[in-house]
C-alpha cells in the first residue's frame, strides 16, 4: 500500500497590471513568496502569453498554483519578450516593433549623405564662395569710400564739369555764328535779285519811252 501523501493544490488569481509606454508594454504580476524557478512564461504560436507557477506551502503537501493567459499586442516584437522577478513582482516586458522603418532609413541615409566627402566638399565650396563674395563686397566698399571723400576727386569732377560747360558754350557760339552767316548770305542774294529786278524795270521803262517818242514824231510829220 502506497504511503506517499497526495499533493493538494490551491488555485489563486494573482493581481495584474499592464503599463503601456511608447516603446514597450510591461505586465506586472504580484507573486509574493514565489521563486523564479517556480515560474514559467510561455508564448504559443497564436500569440498568447501563458504565465503559470506553483510552490509548496509550509511543510505539508499543500501547494499554491496559478495560470494566466494574456494576448500579445499586434505590434509586439515577440522575439524580444523578457521576464524578471523582483521583490515578489514578475515583470514581463513586451517591446514594440518599429512601425516606420522607412522614415528612419531615410533619416539615416540623409545623415550618411551629409557626412560623405562629397557633401563636405560641397559645403566647403559653398562656404568659400560666400566668403569670396563677402570679401569682394568689403573690398569694393573700401575702394569706393576714398573716391567719395577725396578732395582731388572733387577737384577733378569740378574741372570736368567746367570743361564740359565751356565746350557746350563754344559749340553753341559756333552754331549761332553759322546761323548769322547763313542769314547774311540769304540777305545778299535777296538784294541782288532786287537790283536785277530794278534794272529790268528801268530798261523796260526806257524802251516804252523811246517807242512813244518815235510814234509822236511820225504823227507830226504826217
N, C-alpha and C. Protein backbone atom coordinates (compact mmCIF):
# COMPACT_ATOMS: atom_id res chain seq x y z
N UNK A 1 0.85 -1.20 0.00
CA UNK A 1 0.00 0.00 0.00
C UNK A 1 0.88 1.23 0.00
N UNK A 2 0.64 2.21 -0.94
CA UNK A 2 1.47 3.40 -1.10
C UNK A 2 1.14 4.39 0.01
N UNK A 3 2.21 4.82 0.73
CA UNK A 3 2.02 5.77 1.83
C UNK A 3 2.39 7.19 1.46
N UNK A 4 2.69 7.47 0.14
CA UNK A 4 3.05 8.81 -0.29
C UNK A 4 1.85 9.74 -0.18
N UNK A 5 2.03 10.86 0.54
CA UNK A 5 0.88 11.76 0.72
C UNK A 5 0.48 12.40 -0.61
N UNK A 6 -0.79 12.61 -0.80
CA UNK A 6 -1.31 13.23 -2.02
C UNK A 6 -1.18 14.74 -1.92
N UNK A 7 -0.66 15.35 -2.99
CA UNK A 7 -0.50 16.81 -3.02
C UNK A 7 -1.85 17.49 -3.21
N UNK A 8 -2.04 18.52 -2.45
CA UNK A 8 -3.27 19.31 -2.51
C UNK A 8 -2.92 20.68 -3.11
N UNK A 9 -3.61 21.04 -4.16
CA UNK A 9 -3.32 22.32 -4.86
C UNK A 9 -4.39 23.38 -4.52
N UNK A 10 -3.90 24.52 -4.26
CA UNK A 10 -4.77 25.68 -4.02
C UNK A 10 -4.57 26.67 -5.16
N UNK A 11 -5.59 26.84 -5.95
CA UNK A 11 -5.51 27.78 -7.08
C UNK A 11 -5.84 29.20 -6.61
N UNK A 12 -5.11 30.13 -7.13
CA UNK A 12 -5.38 31.55 -6.82
C UNK A 12 -5.14 32.39 -8.08
N UNK A 13 -5.66 33.60 -8.06
CA UNK A 13 -5.52 34.53 -9.19
C UNK A 13 -4.67 35.71 -8.73
N UNK A 14 -3.46 35.82 -9.26
CA UNK A 14 -2.60 36.95 -8.85
C UNK A 14 -3.12 38.27 -9.42
N UNK A 15 -2.84 39.33 -8.70
CA UNK A 15 -3.22 40.66 -9.22
C UNK A 15 -2.26 41.05 -10.34
N UNK A 16 -2.82 41.63 -11.37
CA UNK A 16 -2.02 42.01 -12.55
C UNK A 16 -2.24 43.48 -12.90
N UNK A 17 -1.26 44.04 -13.59
CA UNK A 17 -1.34 45.44 -14.03
C UNK A 17 -0.54 45.59 -15.32
N UNK A 18 -1.15 46.20 -16.33
CA UNK A 18 -0.49 46.42 -17.61
C UNK A 18 -0.15 47.90 -17.76
N UNK A 19 1.12 48.19 -17.93
CA UNK A 19 1.58 49.57 -18.11
C UNK A 19 2.03 49.74 -19.56
N UNK A 20 1.35 50.62 -20.28
CA UNK A 20 1.66 50.86 -21.70
C UNK A 20 2.50 52.11 -21.84
N UNK A 21 3.62 51.96 -22.52
CA UNK A 21 4.52 53.08 -22.79
C UNK A 21 4.78 53.18 -24.29
N UNK A 22 5.59 54.16 -24.67
CA UNK A 22 5.78 54.43 -26.10
C UNK A 22 6.48 53.28 -26.81
N UNK A 23 7.52 52.74 -26.20
CA UNK A 23 8.33 51.74 -26.88
C UNK A 23 8.07 50.31 -26.41
N UNK A 24 7.35 50.13 -25.33
CA UNK A 24 7.08 48.77 -24.85
C UNK A 24 5.93 48.80 -23.85
N UNK A 25 5.30 47.63 -23.68
CA UNK A 25 4.28 47.40 -22.66
C UNK A 25 4.86 46.46 -21.61
N UNK A 26 4.52 46.71 -20.35
CA UNK A 26 5.04 45.87 -19.26
C UNK A 26 3.88 45.33 -18.44
N UNK A 27 3.87 44.01 -18.27
CA UNK A 27 2.84 43.31 -17.49
C UNK A 27 3.41 42.99 -16.10
N UNK A 28 2.72 43.47 -15.07
CA UNK A 28 3.19 43.27 -13.70
C UNK A 28 2.25 42.27 -13.00
N UNK A 29 2.84 41.19 -12.42
CA UNK A 29 2.06 40.19 -11.67
C UNK A 29 2.62 40.12 -10.24
N UNK A 30 1.74 40.26 -9.26
CA UNK A 30 2.17 40.19 -7.87
C UNK A 30 2.20 38.72 -7.43
N UNK A 31 3.40 38.23 -7.14
CA UNK A 31 3.59 36.80 -6.81
C UNK A 31 4.50 36.69 -5.57
N UNK A 32 3.98 37.13 -4.44
CA UNK A 32 4.76 37.08 -3.21
C UNK A 32 5.04 35.62 -2.79
N UNK A 33 6.29 35.36 -2.43
CA UNK A 33 6.68 34.03 -1.97
C UNK A 33 7.17 33.11 -3.07
N UNK A 34 7.02 33.49 -4.32
CA UNK A 34 7.46 32.64 -5.42
C UNK A 34 8.94 32.92 -5.75
N UNK A 35 9.60 31.86 -6.22
CA UNK A 35 10.95 31.96 -6.73
C UNK A 35 10.89 31.85 -8.26
N UNK A 36 11.95 32.33 -8.88
CA UNK A 36 11.93 32.30 -10.35
C UNK A 36 11.93 30.88 -10.90
N UNK A 37 12.49 29.91 -10.12
CA UNK A 37 12.48 28.52 -10.57
C UNK A 37 11.08 27.93 -10.54
N UNK A 38 10.17 28.57 -9.82
CA UNK A 38 8.81 28.05 -9.68
C UNK A 38 7.84 28.70 -10.66
N UNK A 39 8.36 29.53 -11.54
CA UNK A 39 7.52 30.25 -12.51
C UNK A 39 7.86 29.81 -13.93
N UNK A 40 6.88 29.95 -14.79
CA UNK A 40 7.06 29.56 -16.18
C UNK A 40 6.31 30.55 -17.09
N UNK A 41 7.04 31.06 -18.10
CA UNK A 41 6.47 32.02 -19.05
C UNK A 41 6.62 31.42 -20.45
N UNK A 42 5.50 31.26 -21.16
CA UNK A 42 5.50 30.65 -22.48
C UNK A 42 4.69 31.51 -23.46
N UNK A 43 5.08 31.46 -24.71
CA UNK A 43 4.36 32.16 -25.79
C UNK A 43 4.04 31.14 -26.87
N UNK A 44 2.74 30.91 -27.12
CA UNK A 44 2.37 29.92 -28.13
C UNK A 44 2.29 30.55 -29.52
N UNK A 45 1.99 29.75 -30.52
CA UNK A 45 2.01 30.19 -31.90
C UNK A 45 0.88 31.17 -32.23
N UNK A 46 -0.16 31.15 -31.44
CA UNK A 46 -1.31 32.04 -31.70
C UNK A 46 -1.13 33.42 -31.08
N UNK A 47 0.01 33.66 -30.44
CA UNK A 47 0.26 34.97 -29.83
C UNK A 47 -0.35 35.12 -28.45
N UNK A 48 -0.47 34.04 -27.72
CA UNK A 48 -1.00 34.07 -26.36
C UNK A 48 0.17 33.86 -25.38
N UNK A 49 0.29 34.76 -24.45
CA UNK A 49 1.34 34.67 -23.43
C UNK A 49 0.78 33.91 -22.22
N UNK A 50 1.36 32.76 -21.94
CA UNK A 50 0.88 31.89 -20.86
C UNK A 50 1.87 31.93 -19.68
N UNK A 51 1.39 32.40 -18.52
CA UNK A 51 2.24 32.52 -17.32
C UNK A 51 1.64 31.62 -16.24
N UNK A 52 2.46 30.74 -15.68
CA UNK A 52 1.98 29.80 -14.66
C UNK A 52 3.07 29.60 -13.61
N UNK A 53 2.65 29.03 -12.46
CA UNK A 53 3.62 28.75 -11.40
C UNK A 53 2.95 28.03 -10.24
N UNK A 54 3.78 27.34 -9.46
CA UNK A 54 3.29 26.65 -8.27
C UNK A 54 4.43 26.56 -7.25
N UNK A 55 4.05 26.57 -5.95
CA UNK A 55 5.04 26.48 -4.89
C UNK A 55 4.41 25.79 -3.66
N UNK A 56 5.24 25.13 -2.87
CA UNK A 56 4.69 24.46 -1.67
C UNK A 56 4.40 25.48 -0.57
N UNK A 57 3.44 25.13 0.26
CA UNK A 57 3.08 25.99 1.39
C UNK A 57 3.46 25.27 2.67
N UNK A 58 4.47 25.77 3.40
CA UNK A 58 4.92 25.16 4.65
C UNK A 58 5.53 23.78 4.41
N UNK A 59 5.38 22.87 5.42
CA UNK A 59 5.97 21.54 5.36
C UNK A 59 4.95 20.49 4.94
N UNK A 60 3.72 20.91 4.69
CA UNK A 60 2.68 19.95 4.32
C UNK A 60 2.71 19.68 2.84
N UNK A 61 1.76 18.92 2.37
CA UNK A 61 1.67 18.59 0.95
C UNK A 61 0.76 19.56 0.20
N UNK A 62 0.60 20.72 0.74
CA UNK A 62 -0.27 21.72 0.13
C UNK A 62 0.56 22.61 -0.80
N UNK A 63 0.01 22.88 -1.98
CA UNK A 63 0.68 23.73 -2.97
C UNK A 63 -0.26 24.85 -3.45
N UNK A 64 0.36 25.97 -3.72
CA UNK A 64 -0.39 27.10 -4.34
C UNK A 64 0.04 27.20 -5.80
N UNK A 65 -0.93 27.36 -6.64
CA UNK A 65 -0.61 27.44 -8.06
C UNK A 65 -1.55 28.43 -8.76
N UNK A 66 -1.12 28.88 -9.96
CA UNK A 66 -1.92 29.81 -10.77
C UNK A 66 -1.57 29.59 -12.24
N UNK A 67 -2.44 30.11 -13.09
CA UNK A 67 -2.21 30.07 -14.53
C UNK A 67 -3.00 31.21 -15.17
N UNK A 68 -2.29 32.06 -15.89
CA UNK A 68 -2.93 33.22 -16.54
C UNK A 68 -2.48 33.28 -18.00
N UNK A 69 -3.41 33.73 -18.83
CA UNK A 69 -3.11 33.90 -20.25
C UNK A 69 -3.40 35.34 -20.67
N UNK A 70 -2.50 35.90 -21.45
CA UNK A 70 -2.62 37.29 -21.90
C UNK A 70 -2.35 37.35 -23.41
N UNK A 71 -3.23 37.98 -24.16
CA UNK A 71 -2.97 38.14 -25.60
C UNK A 71 -1.87 39.18 -25.81
N UNK A 72 -0.98 38.87 -26.72
CA UNK A 72 0.12 39.79 -27.03
C UNK A 72 -0.36 40.82 -28.07
N UNK A 73 0.08 42.04 -27.92
CA UNK A 73 -0.31 43.10 -28.85
C UNK A 73 0.21 42.79 -30.26
N UNK A 74 -0.50 43.32 -31.25
CA UNK A 74 -0.15 43.05 -32.65
C UNK A 74 1.24 43.60 -32.99
N UNK A 75 1.56 44.77 -32.45
CA UNK A 75 2.84 45.40 -32.77
C UNK A 75 3.95 45.00 -31.81
N UNK A 76 3.76 43.90 -31.09
CA UNK A 76 4.77 43.44 -30.15
C UNK A 76 5.85 42.65 -30.89
N UNK A 77 7.09 42.93 -30.53
CA UNK A 77 8.22 42.16 -31.07
C UNK A 77 8.39 40.91 -30.21
N UNK A 78 7.80 39.80 -30.63
CA UNK A 78 7.75 38.59 -29.81
C UNK A 78 9.12 38.00 -29.51
N UNK A 79 10.08 38.25 -30.38
CA UNK A 79 11.41 37.68 -30.18
C UNK A 79 12.18 38.36 -29.05
N UNK A 80 11.65 39.48 -28.56
CA UNK A 80 12.38 40.24 -27.53
C UNK A 80 11.61 40.31 -26.20
N UNK A 81 10.59 39.46 -26.01
CA UNK A 81 9.85 39.44 -24.75
C UNK A 81 10.77 38.90 -23.65
N UNK A 82 10.77 39.56 -22.51
CA UNK A 82 11.62 39.15 -21.38
C UNK A 82 10.83 39.22 -20.08
N UNK A 83 11.25 38.39 -19.09
CA UNK A 83 10.58 38.33 -17.78
C UNK A 83 11.62 38.45 -16.67
N UNK A 84 11.24 39.16 -15.60
CA UNK A 84 12.15 39.35 -14.47
C UNK A 84 11.36 39.41 -13.17
N UNK A 85 11.77 38.59 -12.20
CA UNK A 85 11.13 38.57 -10.88
C UNK A 85 11.94 39.44 -9.94
N UNK A 86 11.25 40.40 -9.34
CA UNK A 86 11.94 41.36 -8.48
C UNK A 86 11.01 41.80 -7.35
N UNK A 87 11.44 41.52 -6.10
CA UNK A 87 10.67 41.91 -4.91
C UNK A 87 9.25 41.36 -4.93
N UNK A 88 9.11 40.10 -5.36
CA UNK A 88 7.79 39.47 -5.34
C UNK A 88 6.89 39.89 -6.47
N UNK A 89 7.40 40.61 -7.45
CA UNK A 89 6.60 41.06 -8.61
C UNK A 89 7.30 40.58 -9.87
N UNK A 90 6.53 39.93 -10.73
CA UNK A 90 7.04 39.45 -12.02
C UNK A 90 6.77 40.52 -13.07
N UNK A 91 7.84 40.98 -13.72
CA UNK A 91 7.74 42.00 -14.77
C UNK A 91 7.97 41.32 -16.12
N UNK A 92 6.94 41.33 -16.95
CA UNK A 92 7.05 40.76 -18.30
C UNK A 92 7.04 41.92 -19.29
N UNK A 93 8.18 42.15 -19.90
CA UNK A 93 8.37 43.29 -20.80
C UNK A 93 8.13 42.87 -22.24
N UNK A 94 7.28 43.63 -22.95
CA UNK A 94 6.92 43.32 -24.33
C UNK A 94 7.28 44.51 -25.23
N UNK A 95 8.47 44.48 -25.83
CA UNK A 95 8.88 45.61 -26.70
C UNK A 95 7.98 45.71 -27.93
N UNK A 96 7.81 46.96 -28.40
CA UNK A 96 7.00 47.21 -29.60
C UNK A 96 7.90 47.28 -30.83
N UNK A 97 7.35 46.83 -31.95
CA UNK A 97 8.09 46.89 -33.21
C UNK A 97 8.09 48.32 -33.73
N UNK A 98 9.11 48.64 -34.50
CA UNK A 98 9.21 49.96 -35.12
C UNK A 98 8.24 50.01 -36.29
N UNK A 99 7.29 50.94 -36.21
CA UNK A 99 6.23 50.99 -37.23
C UNK A 99 6.63 51.76 -38.47
N UNK A 100 7.67 52.59 -38.40
CA UNK A 100 8.06 53.40 -39.57
C UNK A 100 9.55 53.25 -39.83
N UNK A 101 9.97 52.04 -40.26
CA UNK A 101 11.41 51.87 -40.53
C UNK A 101 11.89 52.67 -41.73
N UNK A 102 10.97 52.96 -42.67
CA UNK A 102 11.38 53.68 -43.87
C UNK A 102 11.84 55.08 -43.52
N UNK A 103 11.08 55.73 -42.59
CA UNK A 103 11.45 57.08 -42.20
C UNK A 103 12.81 57.08 -41.53
N UNK A 104 13.06 56.09 -40.68
CA UNK A 104 14.35 56.03 -40.00
C UNK A 104 15.46 55.78 -41.01
N UNK A 105 15.18 54.91 -41.99
CA UNK A 105 16.18 54.66 -43.01
C UNK A 105 16.49 55.93 -43.79
N UNK A 106 15.41 56.70 -44.08
CA UNK A 106 15.63 57.94 -44.80
C UNK A 106 16.47 58.91 -43.99
N UNK A 107 16.18 58.98 -42.68
CA UNK A 107 16.97 59.86 -41.83
C UNK A 107 18.42 59.41 -41.79
N UNK A 108 18.61 58.08 -41.69
CA UNK A 108 19.97 57.55 -41.67
C UNK A 108 20.69 57.84 -42.97
N UNK A 109 19.97 57.67 -44.09
CA UNK A 109 20.56 57.95 -45.40
C UNK A 109 20.95 59.42 -45.51
N UNK A 110 20.05 60.30 -45.04
CA UNK A 110 20.36 61.73 -45.09
C UNK A 110 21.57 62.06 -44.22
N UNK A 111 21.66 61.43 -43.05
CA UNK A 111 22.80 61.67 -42.17
C UNK A 111 24.09 61.19 -42.80
N UNK A 112 24.05 60.00 -43.41
CA UNK A 112 25.24 59.48 -44.09
C UNK A 112 25.63 60.36 -45.26
N UNK A 113 24.61 60.85 -46.00
CA UNK A 113 24.89 61.71 -47.14
C UNK A 113 25.56 63.00 -46.71
N UNK A 114 25.14 63.54 -45.56
CA UNK A 114 25.74 64.78 -45.07
C UNK A 114 27.19 64.56 -44.65
N UNK A 115 27.51 63.34 -44.20
CA UNK A 115 28.85 63.06 -43.70
C UNK A 115 29.79 62.54 -44.77
N UNK A 116 29.32 62.38 -46.01
CA UNK A 116 30.18 61.87 -47.08
C UNK A 116 31.16 62.96 -47.50
N UNK A 117 32.32 62.57 -48.07
CA UNK A 117 33.31 63.58 -48.51
C UNK A 117 32.74 64.52 -49.54
N UNK A 118 31.87 63.98 -50.45
CA UNK A 118 31.30 64.86 -51.49
C UNK A 118 30.47 65.96 -50.87
N UNK A 119 29.64 65.58 -49.88
CA UNK A 119 28.80 66.59 -49.22
C UNK A 119 29.66 67.60 -48.47
N UNK A 120 30.71 67.11 -47.80
CA UNK A 120 31.58 68.00 -47.06
C UNK A 120 32.30 68.96 -47.99
N UNK A 121 32.79 68.42 -49.14
CA UNK A 121 33.49 69.29 -50.08
C UNK A 121 32.54 70.32 -50.67
N UNK A 122 31.28 69.90 -50.94
CA UNK A 122 30.31 70.84 -51.47
C UNK A 122 30.01 71.94 -50.46
N UNK A 123 29.86 71.56 -49.20
CA UNK A 123 29.61 72.55 -48.16
C UNK A 123 30.78 73.51 -48.05
N UNK A 124 32.01 72.96 -48.10
CA UNK A 124 33.19 73.81 -48.02
C UNK A 124 33.26 74.76 -49.21
N UNK A 125 32.92 74.24 -50.40
CA UNK A 125 32.94 75.08 -51.59
C UNK A 125 31.96 76.23 -51.47
N UNK A 126 30.76 75.94 -50.99
CA UNK A 126 29.76 76.99 -50.82
C UNK A 126 30.22 78.02 -49.81
N UNK A 127 30.80 77.54 -48.72
CA UNK A 127 31.29 78.48 -47.72
C UNK A 127 32.40 79.36 -48.28
N UNK A 128 33.33 78.75 -49.06
CA UNK A 128 34.39 79.53 -49.67
C UNK A 128 33.83 80.56 -50.62
N UNK A 129 32.81 80.15 -51.40
CA UNK A 129 32.21 81.08 -52.36
C UNK A 129 31.56 82.25 -51.65
N UNK A 130 30.83 81.98 -50.55
CA UNK A 130 30.22 83.05 -49.79
C UNK A 130 31.28 83.96 -49.20
N UNK A 131 32.39 83.37 -48.74
CA UNK A 131 33.47 84.18 -48.17
C UNK A 131 34.08 85.09 -49.22
N UNK A 132 34.26 84.54 -50.46
CA UNK A 132 34.79 85.36 -51.54
C UNK A 132 33.86 86.52 -51.86
N UNK A 133 32.55 86.24 -51.89
CA UNK A 133 31.59 87.30 -52.18
C UNK A 133 31.61 88.38 -51.11
N UNK A 134 31.69 87.94 -49.84
CA UNK A 134 31.74 88.91 -48.74
C UNK A 134 33.01 89.76 -48.84
N UNK A 135 34.16 89.11 -49.14
CA UNK A 135 35.42 89.84 -49.25
C UNK A 135 35.38 90.81 -50.42
N UNK A 136 34.78 90.36 -51.54
CA UNK A 136 34.67 91.24 -52.70
C UNK A 136 33.83 92.46 -52.38
N UNK A 137 32.71 92.23 -51.67
CA UNK A 137 31.86 93.36 -51.27
C UNK A 137 32.59 94.32 -50.36
N UNK A 138 33.40 93.79 -49.43
CA UNK A 138 34.16 94.63 -48.50
C UNK A 138 35.20 95.43 -49.23
N UNK A 139 35.92 94.77 -50.20
CA UNK A 139 36.95 95.47 -50.97
C UNK A 139 36.34 96.58 -51.81
N UNK A 140 35.18 96.29 -52.42
CA UNK A 140 34.53 97.30 -53.26
C UNK A 140 34.12 98.52 -52.46
N UNK A 141 33.52 98.26 -51.29
CA UNK A 141 33.09 99.39 -50.45
C UNK A 141 34.27 100.18 -49.96
N UNK A 142 35.39 99.46 -49.62
CA UNK A 142 36.58 100.16 -49.13
C UNK A 142 37.23 100.97 -50.24
N UNK A 143 37.13 100.47 -51.51
CA UNK A 143 37.70 101.21 -52.62
C UNK A 143 36.86 102.40 -53.00
N UNK A 144 35.56 102.32 -52.83
CA UNK A 144 34.67 103.39 -53.23
C UNK A 144 34.67 104.54 -52.24
N UNK A 145 34.93 104.26 -50.96
CA UNK A 145 34.87 105.30 -49.94
C UNK A 145 35.89 106.41 -50.17
N UNK A 146 37.18 106.11 -50.52
CA UNK A 146 38.13 107.19 -50.76
C UNK A 146 37.71 108.08 -51.91
N UNK A 147 37.06 107.50 -52.93
CA UNK A 147 36.62 108.31 -54.05
C UNK A 147 35.63 109.37 -53.62
N UNK A 148 34.79 109.04 -52.68
CA UNK A 148 33.76 109.97 -52.22
C UNK A 148 34.35 111.06 -51.36
N UNK A 149 35.34 110.71 -50.54
CA UNK A 149 35.87 111.64 -49.55
C UNK A 149 37.14 112.34 -50.01
N UNK A 150 37.70 112.04 -51.20
CA UNK A 150 38.96 112.59 -51.65
C UNK A 150 38.77 113.98 -52.23
N UNK A 151 39.52 115.00 -51.78
CA UNK A 151 39.41 116.35 -52.36
C UNK A 151 39.85 116.39 -53.81
N UNK A 152 40.90 115.57 -54.15
CA UNK A 152 41.38 115.57 -55.52
C UNK A 152 40.29 115.14 -56.48
N UNK A 153 39.55 114.11 -56.09
CA UNK A 153 38.48 113.64 -56.96
C UNK A 153 37.42 114.72 -57.15
N UNK A 154 37.14 115.48 -56.05
CA UNK A 154 36.16 116.56 -56.15
C UNK A 154 36.63 117.62 -57.13
N UNK A 155 37.97 117.97 -57.02
CA UNK A 155 38.50 118.98 -57.94
C UNK A 155 38.44 118.49 -59.38
N UNK A 156 38.78 117.20 -59.57
CA UNK A 156 38.72 116.65 -60.93
C UNK A 156 37.31 116.68 -61.48
N UNK A 157 36.35 116.37 -60.61
CA UNK A 157 34.95 116.39 -61.05
C UNK A 157 34.52 117.79 -61.44
N UNK A 158 34.94 118.78 -60.63
CA UNK A 158 34.60 120.17 -60.95
C UNK A 158 35.26 120.61 -62.25
N UNK A 159 36.53 120.17 -62.44
CA UNK A 159 37.24 120.55 -63.66
C UNK A 159 36.54 119.96 -64.88
N UNK A 160 36.12 118.68 -64.76
CA UNK A 160 35.41 118.05 -65.85
C UNK A 160 34.11 118.77 -66.15
N UNK A 161 33.40 119.19 -65.10
CA UNK A 161 32.14 119.90 -65.30
C UNK A 161 32.38 121.22 -66.00
N UNK A 162 33.48 121.93 -65.58
CA UNK A 162 33.78 123.23 -66.18
C UNK A 162 34.14 123.07 -67.65
N UNK A 163 34.97 122.04 -67.94
CA UNK A 163 35.36 121.83 -69.34
C UNK A 163 34.16 121.47 -70.19
N UNK A 164 33.24 120.67 -69.61
CA UNK A 164 32.04 120.31 -70.36
C UNK A 164 31.19 121.53 -70.64
N UNK A 165 31.09 122.43 -69.63
CA UNK A 165 30.27 123.64 -69.82
C UNK A 165 30.89 124.53 -70.88
N UNK A 166 32.26 124.70 -70.82
CA UNK A 166 32.91 125.56 -71.81
C UNK A 166 32.76 124.98 -73.21
N UNK A 167 32.89 123.66 -73.32
CA UNK A 167 32.74 123.03 -74.64
C UNK A 167 31.34 123.25 -75.18
N UNK A 168 30.36 123.13 -74.29
CA UNK A 168 28.98 123.34 -74.73
C UNK A 168 28.77 124.79 -75.17
N UNK A 169 29.39 125.76 -74.42
CA UNK A 169 29.24 127.17 -74.77
C UNK A 169 29.88 127.44 -76.12
N UNK A 170 31.09 126.86 -76.34
CA UNK A 170 31.76 127.09 -77.61
C UNK A 170 30.95 126.53 -78.77
N UNK A 171 30.41 125.32 -78.58
CA UNK A 171 29.62 124.74 -79.66
C UNK A 171 28.38 125.58 -79.93
N UNK A 172 27.79 126.15 -78.87
CA UNK A 172 26.60 126.99 -79.04
C UNK A 172 26.94 128.25 -79.81
N UNK A 173 28.12 128.89 -79.48
CA UNK A 173 28.54 130.10 -80.19
C UNK A 173 28.80 129.80 -81.65
N UNK A 174 29.43 128.66 -81.90
CA UNK A 174 29.70 128.30 -83.31
C UNK A 174 28.41 128.14 -84.09
N UNK A 175 27.41 127.50 -83.45
CA UNK A 175 26.13 127.33 -84.13
C UNK A 175 25.47 128.68 -84.40
N UNK A 176 25.59 129.63 -83.46
CA UNK A 176 24.97 130.96 -83.64
C UNK A 176 25.64 131.71 -84.79
N UNK A 177 27.00 131.66 -84.81
CA UNK A 177 27.72 132.34 -85.87
C UNK A 177 27.35 131.76 -87.23
N UNK A 178 27.22 130.44 -87.30
CA UNK A 178 26.85 129.81 -88.56
C UNK A 178 25.47 130.26 -89.03
N UNK A 179 24.54 130.36 -88.08
CA UNK A 179 23.18 130.80 -88.44
C UNK A 179 23.20 132.24 -88.96
N UNK A 180 24.01 133.12 -88.31
CA UNK A 180 24.09 134.53 -88.75
C UNK A 180 24.68 134.61 -90.15
N UNK A 181 25.71 133.77 -90.39
CA UNK A 181 26.34 133.79 -91.73
C UNK A 181 25.35 133.37 -92.80
N UNK A 182 24.58 132.34 -92.52
CA UNK A 182 23.57 131.89 -93.49
C UNK A 182 22.53 132.97 -93.76
N UNK A 183 22.13 133.67 -92.68
CA UNK A 183 21.13 134.73 -92.83
C UNK A 183 21.67 135.88 -93.68
N UNK A 184 22.96 136.24 -93.46
CA UNK A 184 23.57 137.33 -94.23
C UNK A 184 23.67 136.96 -95.70
N UNK A 185 24.05 135.69 -95.94
CA UNK A 185 24.16 135.26 -97.34
C UNK A 185 22.81 135.32 -98.03
N UNK A 186 21.76 134.89 -97.31
CA UNK A 186 20.42 134.94 -97.89
C UNK A 186 19.99 136.37 -98.19
N UNK A 187 20.37 137.32 -97.27
CA UNK A 187 20.02 138.74 -97.48
C UNK A 187 20.74 139.30 -98.70
N UNK A 188 22.00 138.89 -98.89
CA UNK A 188 22.75 139.36 -100.06
C UNK A 188 22.10 138.89 -101.34
N UNK A 189 21.69 137.60 -101.34
CA UNK A 189 21.03 137.07 -102.52
C UNK A 189 19.74 137.84 -102.81
N UNK A 190 19.01 138.17 -101.76
CA UNK A 190 17.75 138.90 -101.95
C UNK A 190 17.99 140.29 -102.54
N UNK A 191 19.06 141.00 -102.04
CA UNK A 191 19.38 142.33 -102.54
C UNK A 191 19.77 142.26 -104.03
N UNK A 192 20.54 141.23 -104.36
CA UNK A 192 20.98 141.08 -105.74
C UNK A 192 19.79 140.89 -106.68
N UNK A 193 18.85 140.08 -106.23
CA UNK A 193 17.66 139.84 -107.05
C UNK A 193 16.85 141.12 -107.22
N UNK A 194 16.76 141.89 -106.10
CA UNK A 194 16.01 143.15 -106.18
C UNK A 194 16.66 144.13 -107.18
N UNK A 195 18.03 144.19 -107.14
CA UNK A 195 18.73 145.10 -108.05
C UNK A 195 18.47 144.69 -109.51
N UNK A 196 18.55 143.40 -109.77
CA UNK A 196 18.33 142.94 -111.14
C UNK A 196 16.91 143.25 -111.60
N UNK A 197 15.97 143.11 -110.64
CA UNK A 197 14.58 143.43 -110.99
C UNK A 197 14.41 144.91 -111.33
N UNK A 198 15.09 145.76 -110.52
CA UNK A 198 15.01 147.21 -110.78
C UNK A 198 15.62 147.57 -112.14
N UNK A 199 16.76 146.95 -112.48
CA UNK A 199 17.41 147.22 -113.77
C UNK A 199 16.49 146.82 -114.91
N UNK A 200 15.85 145.65 -114.73
CA UNK A 200 14.97 145.18 -115.80
C UNK A 200 13.78 146.13 -115.97
N UNK A 201 13.25 146.62 -114.89
CA UNK A 201 12.13 147.56 -114.97
C UNK A 201 12.56 148.88 -115.62
N UNK A 202 13.81 149.28 -115.23
CA UNK A 202 14.30 150.54 -115.83
C UNK A 202 14.44 150.42 -117.36
N UNK A 203 15.04 149.30 -117.80
CA UNK A 203 15.21 149.08 -119.24
C UNK A 203 13.86 149.05 -119.94
N UNK A 204 12.89 148.40 -119.31
CA UNK A 204 11.56 148.32 -119.91
C UNK A 204 10.92 149.70 -120.00
N UNK A 205 11.14 150.51 -118.96
CA UNK A 205 10.55 151.87 -118.97
C UNK A 205 11.16 152.74 -120.05
N UNK A 206 12.50 152.64 -120.19
CA UNK A 206 13.18 153.42 -121.22
C UNK A 206 12.72 152.99 -122.60
N UNK A 207 12.52 151.68 -122.79
CA UNK A 207 12.08 151.19 -124.10
C UNK A 207 10.69 151.73 -124.45
N UNK A 208 9.80 151.77 -123.47
CA UNK A 208 8.45 152.30 -123.70
C UNK A 208 8.48 153.79 -124.04
N UNK A 209 9.39 154.49 -123.34
CA UNK A 209 9.51 155.93 -123.56
C UNK A 209 10.00 156.21 -124.98
N UNK A 210 11.01 155.50 -125.41
CA UNK A 210 11.55 155.70 -126.76
C UNK A 210 10.49 155.38 -127.81
N UNK A 211 9.71 154.35 -127.57
CA UNK A 211 8.68 153.97 -128.53
C UNK A 211 7.61 155.06 -128.63
N UNK A 212 7.24 155.65 -127.54
CA UNK A 212 6.23 156.72 -127.56
C UNK A 212 6.76 157.96 -128.31
N UNK A 213 8.07 158.27 -128.06
CA UNK A 213 8.66 159.46 -128.72
C UNK A 213 8.67 159.26 -130.25
N UNK A 214 9.05 158.10 -130.69
CA UNK A 214 9.10 157.84 -132.13
C UNK A 214 7.72 157.87 -132.72
N UNK A 215 6.75 157.39 -132.02
CA UNK A 215 5.37 157.39 -132.52
C UNK A 215 4.86 158.82 -132.68
N UNK A 216 5.22 159.67 -131.73
CA UNK A 216 4.78 161.06 -131.78
C UNK A 216 5.44 161.80 -132.96
N UNK A 217 6.68 161.50 -133.21
CA UNK A 217 7.41 162.15 -134.30
C UNK A 217 6.82 161.76 -135.65
N UNK A 218 6.46 160.52 -135.80
CA UNK A 218 5.87 160.08 -137.06
C UNK A 218 4.52 160.74 -137.30
N UNK A 219 3.75 160.93 -136.28
CA UNK A 219 2.46 161.57 -136.44
C UNK A 219 2.60 163.05 -136.83
N UNK A 220 3.62 163.69 -136.27
CA UNK A 220 3.86 165.11 -136.55
C UNK A 220 4.27 165.29 -138.02
N UNK A 221 5.04 164.44 -138.61
CA UNK A 221 5.47 164.55 -139.98
C UNK A 221 4.27 164.39 -140.91
N UNK A 222 3.34 163.60 -140.59
CA UNK A 222 2.19 163.42 -141.45
C UNK A 222 1.31 164.67 -141.43
